[in-house]
Amino acid sequence: MSKKIITGKVVSNAMDKTITVETDRLTKHPKYHKFVKKTRRYHAHDENNECEIGDIVEIEESRKLSKTKAFVLKRIVRKNILSEEVETPESVEEEVQEAFGGEVDGTTRE
């Protein structure tokens, strides 16, 4: 029997060597025939703590590693490019002050 391979998005990496992967699927409602989005979350083992929030990953079924963890990270399909280049409001404010050469009062013109 082959092992299940699931592709999903990392939504949490707060635990040590564990990531939470979220997958979405569309199912048709039996009575109303409308497509409904269903979401499922899996806990997976990340040995090197290399995943960041927003990464697209493949996880593979394995033996039970803990009460809720039965998958291991197979590979990172795509890194989240936005997580590395996020500017904080303080850095933006400093750049504005440098550009205008002094204090900015924060009011807008109408």
C-alpha atoms as a PDB file:
ATOM      1  CA  MET A   1       0.000   0.000   0.000  1.00  0.00           C
ATOM      2  CA  SER A   2       1.423   3.383  -0.990  1.00  0.00           C
ATOM      3  CA  LYS A   3       1.760   6.274   1.401  1.00  0.00           C
ATOM      4  CA  LYS A   4      -0.521   9.294   1.113  1.00  0.00           C
ATOM      5  CA  ILE A   5       1.116  12.494  -0.126  1.00  0.00           C
ATOM      6  CA  ILE A   6      -0.737  15.724   0.627  1.00  0.00           C
ATOM      7  CA  THR A   7       0.031  19.231  -0.628  1.00  0.00           C
ATOM      8  CA  GLY A   8      -0.953  22.181   1.527  1.00  0.00           C
ATOM      9  CA  LYS A   9      -0.041  25.523   3.048  1.00  0.00           C
ATOM     10  CA  VAL A  10       1.850  25.924   6.336  1.00  0.00           C
ATOM     11  CA  VAL A  11      -0.332  27.915   8.750  1.00  0.00           C
ATOM     12  CA  SER A  12       1.695  27.422  11.944  1.00  0.00           C
ATOM     13  CA  ASN A  13       5.250  26.550  12.919  1.00  0.00           C
ATOM     14  CA  ALA A  14       5.107  27.541  16.597  1.00  0.00           C
ATOM     15  CA  MET A  15       5.834  24.049  17.912  1.00  0.00           C
ATOM     16  CA  ASP A  16       9.345  22.596  17.893  1.00  0.00           C
ATOM     17  CA  LYS A  17       9.890  20.274  14.883  1.00  0.00           C
ATOM     18  CA  THR A  18       6.161  20.378  14.057  1.00  0.00           C
ATOM     19  CA  ILE A  19       4.211  22.291  11.420  1.00  0.00           C
ATOM     20  CA  THR A  20       0.492  22.625  10.832  1.00  0.00           C
ATOM     21  CA  VAL A  21      -0.523  22.204   7.198  1.00  0.00           C
ATOM     22  CA  GLU A  22      -3.935  23.276   5.919  1.00  0.00           C
ATOM     23  CA  THR A  23      -5.566  21.780   2.820  1.00  0.00           C
ATOM     24  CA  ASP A  24      -8.738  22.864   1.042  1.00  0.00           C
ATOM     25  CA  ARG A  25     -11.087  20.819  -1.111  1.00  0.00           C
ATOM     26  CA  LEU A  26     -14.379  21.489  -2.843  1.00  0.00           C
ATOM     27  CA  THR A  27     -17.306  19.137  -2.305  1.00  0.00           C
ATOM     28  CA  LYS A  28     -20.766  19.311  -3.778  1.00  0.00           C
ATOM     29  CA  HIS A  29     -23.606  19.610  -1.263  1.00  0.00           C
ATOM     30  CA  PRO A  30     -25.914  16.590  -1.703  1.00  0.00           C
ATOM     31  CA  LYS A  31     -29.192  18.509  -1.466  1.00  0.00           C
ATOM     32  CA  TYR A  32     -28.434  22.021  -2.719  1.00  0.00           C
ATOM     33  CA  HIS A  33     -25.800  21.079  -5.354  1.00  0.00           C
ATOM     34  CA  LYS A  34     -23.628  24.007  -4.350  1.00  0.00           C
ATOM     35  CA  PHE A  35     -19.870  23.619  -4.054  1.00  0.00           C
ATOM     36  CA  VAL A  36     -18.678  24.005  -0.467  1.00  0.00           C
ATOM     37  CA  LYS A  37     -15.047  24.550   0.552  1.00  0.00           C
ATOM     38  CA  LYS A  38     -13.897  22.181   3.287  1.00  0.00           C
ATOM     39  CA  THR A  39     -10.645  22.708   5.183  1.00  0.00           C
ATOM     40  CA  ARG A  40      -8.552  20.100   6.973  1.00  0.00           C
ATOM     41  CA  ARG A  41      -5.460  20.626   9.137  1.00  0.00           C
ATOM     42  CA  TYR A  42      -2.655  18.106   9.557  1.00  0.00           C
ATOM     43  CA  HIS A  43       0.289  18.144  11.963  1.00  0.00           C
ATOM     44  CA  ALA A  44       3.549  17.095  10.317  1.00  0.00           C
ATOM     45  CA  HIS A  45       7.100  16.463  11.528  1.00  0.00           C
ATOM     46  CA  ASP A  46       9.669  19.050  10.365  1.00  0.00           C
ATOM     47  CA  GLU A  47      13.027  17.699  11.561  1.00  0.00           C
ATOM     48  CA  ASN A  48      15.140  20.782  10.736  1.00  0.00           C
ATOM     49  CA  ASN A  49      12.542  23.500  11.509  1.00  0.00           C
ATOM     50  CA  GLU A  50      12.975  24.800   7.949  1.00  0.00           C
ATOM     51  CA  CYS A  51       9.349  25.714   7.119  1.00  0.00           C
ATOM     52  CA  GLU A  52       7.918  29.207   7.490  1.00  0.00           C
ATOM     53  CA  ILE A  53       4.291  30.295   7.606  1.00  0.00           C
ATOM     54  CA  GLY A  54       2.898  30.576   4.081  1.00  0.00           C
ATOM     55  CA  ASP A  55       5.140  27.924   2.482  1.00  0.00           C
ATOM     56  CA  ILE A  56       3.540  25.392   0.148  1.00  0.00           C
ATOM     57  CA  VAL A  57       4.719  21.911   1.199  1.00  0.00           C
ATOM     58  CA  GLU A  58       4.234  18.220   0.492  1.00  0.00           C
ATOM     59  CA  ILE A  59       3.774  15.947   3.495  1.00  0.00           C
ATOM     60  CA  GLU A  60       3.917  12.163   3.454  1.00  0.00           C
ATOM     61  CA  GLU A  61       2.065   9.688   5.626  1.00  0.00           C
ATOM     62  CA  SER A  62       4.235   7.843   8.151  1.00  0.00           C
ATOM     63  CA  ARG A  63       3.954   5.938  11.389  1.00  0.00           C
ATOM     64  CA  LYS A  64       2.284   7.693  14.312  1.00  0.00           C
ATOM     65  CA  LEU A  65       4.838  10.102  15.806  1.00  0.00           C
ATOM     66  CA  SER A  66       2.615  11.532  18.546  1.00  0.00           C
ATOM     67  CA  LYS A  67      -1.054  11.746  19.485  1.00  0.00           C
ATOM     68  CA  THR A  68      -1.867  14.056  16.559  1.00  0.00           C
ATOM     69  CA  LYS A  69       1.174  13.738  14.271  1.00  0.00           C
ATOM     70  CA  ALA A  70       1.235  11.054  11.552  1.00  0.00           C
ATOM     71  CA  PHE A  71       2.890  12.879   8.621  1.00  0.00           C
ATOM     72  CA  VAL A  72       6.461  13.966   7.833  1.00  0.00           C
ATOM     73  CA  LEU A  73       7.653  16.834   5.657  1.00  0.00           C
ATOM     74  CA  LYS A  74       8.614  15.478   2.240  1.00  0.00           C
ATOM     75  CA  ARG A  75       9.649  18.692   0.486  1.00  0.00           C
ATOM     76  CA  ILE A  76       8.994  22.405   0.292  1.00  0.00           C
ATOM     77  CA  VAL A  77       7.305  23.104  -3.032  1.00  0.00           C
ATOM     78  CA  ARG A  78       7.463  26.907  -2.783  1.00  0.00           C
ATOM     79  CA  LYS A  79       8.844  29.220  -0.110  1.00  0.00           C
ATOM     80  CA  ASN A  80       6.739  32.174   0.994  1.00  0.00           C
ATOM     81  CA  ILE A  81       8.599  35.117  -0.531  1.00  0.00           C
ATOM     82  CA  LEU A  82       6.582  37.698   1.416  1.00  0.00           C
ATOM     83  CA  SER A  83       7.678  36.498   4.858  1.00  0.00           C
ATOM     84  CA  GLU A  84      11.261  37.703   4.352  1.00  0.00           C
ATOM     85  CA  GLU A  85      10.578  41.220   3.075  1.00  0.00           C
ATOM     86  CA  VAL A  86       7.849  42.515   5.369  1.00  0.00           C
ATOM     87  CA  GLU A  87       8.492  46.078   6.531  1.00  0.00           C
ATOM     88  CA  THR A  88       7.421  47.200   9.949  1.00  0.00           C
ATOM     89  CA  PRO A  89       5.619  50.540  10.365  1.00  0.00           C
ATOM     90  CA  GLU A  90       8.570  51.939  12.350  1.00  0.00           C
ATOM     91  CA  SER A  91      10.998  51.427   9.479  1.00  0.00           C
ATOM     92  CA  VAL A  92       8.589  53.049   7.021  1.00  0.00           C
ATOM     93  CA  GLU A  93       8.153  56.048   9.341  1.00  0.00           C
ATOM     94  CA  GLU A  94      11.945  56.451   9.635  1.00  0.00           C
ATOM     95  CA  GLU A  95      12.321  56.394   5.843  1.00  0.00           C
ATOM     96  CA  VAL A  96       9.643  59.088   5.466  1.00  0.00           C
ATOM     97  CA  GLN A  97      11.348  61.307   8.046  1.00  0.00           C
ATOM     98  CA  GLU A  98      14.699  60.905   6.277  1.00  0.00           C
ATOM     99  CA  ALA A  99      13.129  61.720   2.912  1.00  0.00           C
ATOM    100  CA  PHE A 100      11.496  64.946   4.147  1.00  0.00           C
ATOM    101  CA  GLY A 101      14.393  65.958   6.383  1.00  0.00           C
ATOM    102  CA  GLY A 102      12.521  66.320   9.645  1.00  0.00           C
ATOM    103  CA  GLU A 103       9.315  65.693  11.499  1.00  0.00           C
ATOM    104  CA  VAL A 104       6.136  64.752   9.690  1.00  0.00           C
ATOM    105  CA  ASP A 105       2.930  65.834  11.428  1.00  0.00           C
ATOM    106  CA  GLY A 106       0.805  62.958  10.065  1.00  0.00           C
ATOM    107  CA  THR A 107      -2.023  65.130   8.703  1.00  0.00           C
ATOM    108  CA  THR A 108      -3.364  64.711   5.194  1.00  0.00           C
ATOM    109  CA  ARG A 109      -4.336  67.342   2.670  1.00  0.00           C
ATOM    110  CA  GLU A 110      -7.882  67.450   1.386  1.00  0.00           C
END
